[in-house]
Amino acid sequence: METAAKVLIVGGVLNLAYGAITGLILTSVRSRSPEAPRYLTLAHIGPLMQGPMLLGLAVATGLSSLAAGVETTAAWLLVAGSGGIAAGDTLHWLSKTGDAFAERPVGFFSQAAGGVATGVGIFILLIGVFRGL
C-alpha cells in the first residue's frame, strides 16, 4: 500500500474518531439544554464528512500516475486541511463565537488555512487521477 493511501486512511479514521468524540460531547450538552451550540454541531458533523472523503481518496491514489512523493504531499495537505477545519469549528465552539465571518477569531484563520490546504491537495490528486486514466 502506498504511503499516500496510508496517510489518508489514518487521517480518515482520526476524523471519524474525532466526530464520535464530539458527538458524545454534543449528546451530553443536548441532554441538559434543548439547543445545541452551532459550532459544536459543526465540529461533530464536519469530521464525520471529512473522514469518509479521506478514506475514499485513499482509493483514488491507486488511480493516480503522479510520483509517490507528490501523492504523499497531497495526502498530507488533505489531512492537515481537514484538521484545520475541525480545529476551527472546535475553537469557535470553545470561544463561544457567534459569527466567525463577522468576528474573525483565530478559528476562522485555521479554517481558511484548512480550506486552502484541502483545495490544493484535492487539485493535485485530481490531476494525478485524470493523468492515470
Protein backbone atom coordinates (compact mmCIF):
# COMPACT_ATOMS: atom_id res chain seq x y z
CA MET A 1 0.00 0.00 0.00
CA GLU A 2 1.28 3.44 -0.94
CA THR A 3 2.30 5.95 1.73
CA ALA A 4 -0.29 8.46 0.43
CA ALA A 5 -3.07 5.91 0.92
CA LYS A 6 -1.86 5.14 4.44
CA VAL A 7 -1.80 8.84 5.34
CA LEU A 8 -5.34 9.29 4.01
CA ILE A 9 -6.63 6.20 5.82
CA VAL A 10 -5.14 7.25 9.15
CA GLY A 11 -6.45 10.79 8.63
CA GLY A 12 -9.89 9.45 7.77
CA VAL A 13 -10.04 7.23 10.83
CA LEU A 14 -8.84 10.08 13.08
CA ASN A 15 -11.58 12.31 11.65
CA LEU A 16 -14.20 9.66 12.36
CA ALA A 17 -12.88 9.23 15.89
CA TYR A 18 -12.98 12.99 16.47
CA GLY A 19 -16.52 13.10 15.12
CA ALA A 20 -17.51 10.37 17.56
CA ILE A 21 -15.89 12.18 20.50
CA THR A 22 -17.58 15.47 19.66
CA GLY A 23 -20.81 13.52 19.22
CA LEU A 24 -20.56 12.27 22.81
CA ILE A 25 -19.96 15.84 23.99
CA LEU A 26 -22.88 17.06 21.88
CA THR A 27 -25.12 14.38 23.39
CA SER A 28 -24.12 15.48 26.88
CA VAL A 29 -24.78 19.15 26.10
CA ARG A 30 -28.12 18.37 24.45
CA SER A 31 -29.26 16.31 27.44
CA ARG A 32 -29.07 19.48 29.55
CA SER A 33 -30.25 22.05 27.01
CA PRO A 34 -32.71 21.98 24.11
CA GLU A 35 -30.31 23.95 21.91
CA ALA A 36 -27.06 22.60 20.55
CA PRO A 37 -24.20 25.08 20.12
CA ARG A 38 -23.80 25.77 16.41
CA TYR A 39 -20.06 25.27 16.24
CA LEU A 40 -20.11 22.14 18.40
CA THR A 41 -22.57 20.68 15.92
CA LEU A 42 -20.23 21.64 13.08
CA ALA A 43 -17.22 20.23 14.95
CA HIS A 44 -19.15 16.96 15.12
CA ILE A 45 -20.57 16.81 11.59
CA GLY A 46 -17.52 18.15 9.73
CA PRO A 47 -15.14 15.34 10.68
CA LEU A 48 -17.88 12.80 10.00
CA MET A 49 -17.98 14.15 6.43
CA GLN A 50 -14.22 14.63 6.04
CA GLY A 51 -13.40 11.13 7.31
CA PRO A 52 -15.18 9.19 4.55
CA MET A 53 -13.86 11.68 1.99
CA LEU A 54 -10.27 10.93 3.04
CA LEU A 55 -10.96 7.19 3.06
CA GLY A 56 -12.38 7.42 -0.45
CA LEU A 57 -9.42 9.44 -1.66
CA ALA A 58 -7.13 6.66 -0.41
CA VAL A 59 -8.63 4.55 -3.21
CA ALA A 60 -8.07 7.38 -5.68
CA THR A 61 -4.32 7.30 -5.04
CA GLY A 62 -4.27 3.89 -6.72
CA LEU A 63 -5.51 5.50 -9.93
CA SER A 64 -3.04 8.37 -9.83
CA SER A 65 0.01 8.39 -12.08
CA LEU A 66 1.87 11.01 -10.04
CA ALA A 67 5.17 10.35 -8.30
CA ALA A 68 4.79 8.84 -4.84
CA GLY A 69 6.21 11.93 -3.15
CA VAL A 70 3.72 14.22 -4.88
CA GLU A 71 0.81 11.96 -3.90
CA THR A 72 2.03 11.82 -0.31
CA THR A 73 2.30 15.62 -0.21
CA ALA A 74 -1.27 15.87 -1.50
CA ALA A 75 -2.41 13.38 1.14
CA TRP A 76 -0.74 15.35 3.94
CA LEU A 77 -2.32 18.56 2.65
CA LEU A 78 -5.76 16.92 2.70
CA VAL A 79 -5.31 15.55 6.21
CA ALA A 80 -3.90 18.84 7.51
CA GLY A 81 -6.73 20.70 5.82
CA SER A 82 -9.39 18.58 7.46
CA GLY A 83 -7.63 19.06 10.79
CA GLY A 84 -7.57 22.83 10.32
CA ILE A 85 -11.27 22.92 9.55
CA ALA A 86 -12.16 20.76 12.56
CA ALA A 87 -9.85 22.78 14.81
CA GLY A 88 -11.52 25.99 13.65
CA ASP A 89 -15.01 24.75 14.49
CA THR A 90 -13.77 23.50 17.85
CA LEU A 91 -12.12 26.84 18.64
CA HIS A 92 -15.31 28.66 17.61
CA TRP A 93 -17.34 26.47 19.95
CA LEU A 94 -14.94 26.82 22.89
CA SER A 95 -14.68 30.60 22.48
CA LYS A 96 -18.46 30.93 22.01
CA THR A 97 -18.06 32.63 18.63
CA GLY A 98 -21.31 33.99 17.28
CA ASP A 99 -20.43 34.53 13.62
CA ALA A 100 -16.94 33.54 12.55
CA PHE A 101 -17.11 35.55 9.33
CA ALA A 102 -18.04 38.74 11.16
CA GLU A 103 -15.80 38.26 14.21
CA ARG A 104 -12.73 36.73 12.50
CA PRO A 105 -11.42 34.83 15.55
CA VAL A 106 -8.34 32.59 15.38
CA GLY A 107 -10.51 29.61 14.39
CA PHE A 108 -11.52 31.49 11.24
CA PHE A 109 -7.91 31.56 10.09
CA SER A 110 -7.44 27.90 11.00
CA GLN A 111 -10.37 27.07 8.78
CA ALA A 112 -9.17 29.32 5.98
CA ALA A 113 -5.76 27.61 6.00
CA GLY A 114 -7.51 24.23 6.15
CA GLY A 115 -9.63 25.13 3.16
CA VAL A 116 -6.60 26.18 1.13
CA ALA A 117 -4.68 23.01 2.05
CA THR A 118 -7.69 20.84 1.18
CA GLY A 119 -8.17 22.64 -2.13
CA VAL A 120 -4.53 22.26 -3.14
CA GLY A 121 -4.43 18.61 -2.05
CA ILE A 122 -7.57 17.67 -3.95
CA PHE A 123 -6.36 19.55 -7.03
CA ILE A 124 -3.09 17.60 -7.02
CA LEU A 125 -4.89 14.26 -6.68
CA LEU A 126 -7.41 15.26 -9.35
CA ILE A 127 -4.56 15.86 -11.80
CA GLY A 128 -3.00 12.52 -10.90
CA VAL A 129 -6.23 10.58 -11.29
CA PHE A 130 -7.03 12.13 -14.67
CA ARG A 131 -3.46 11.50 -15.85
CA GLY A 132 -3.75 7.91 -14.69
CA LEU A 133 -6.94 7.14 -16.61
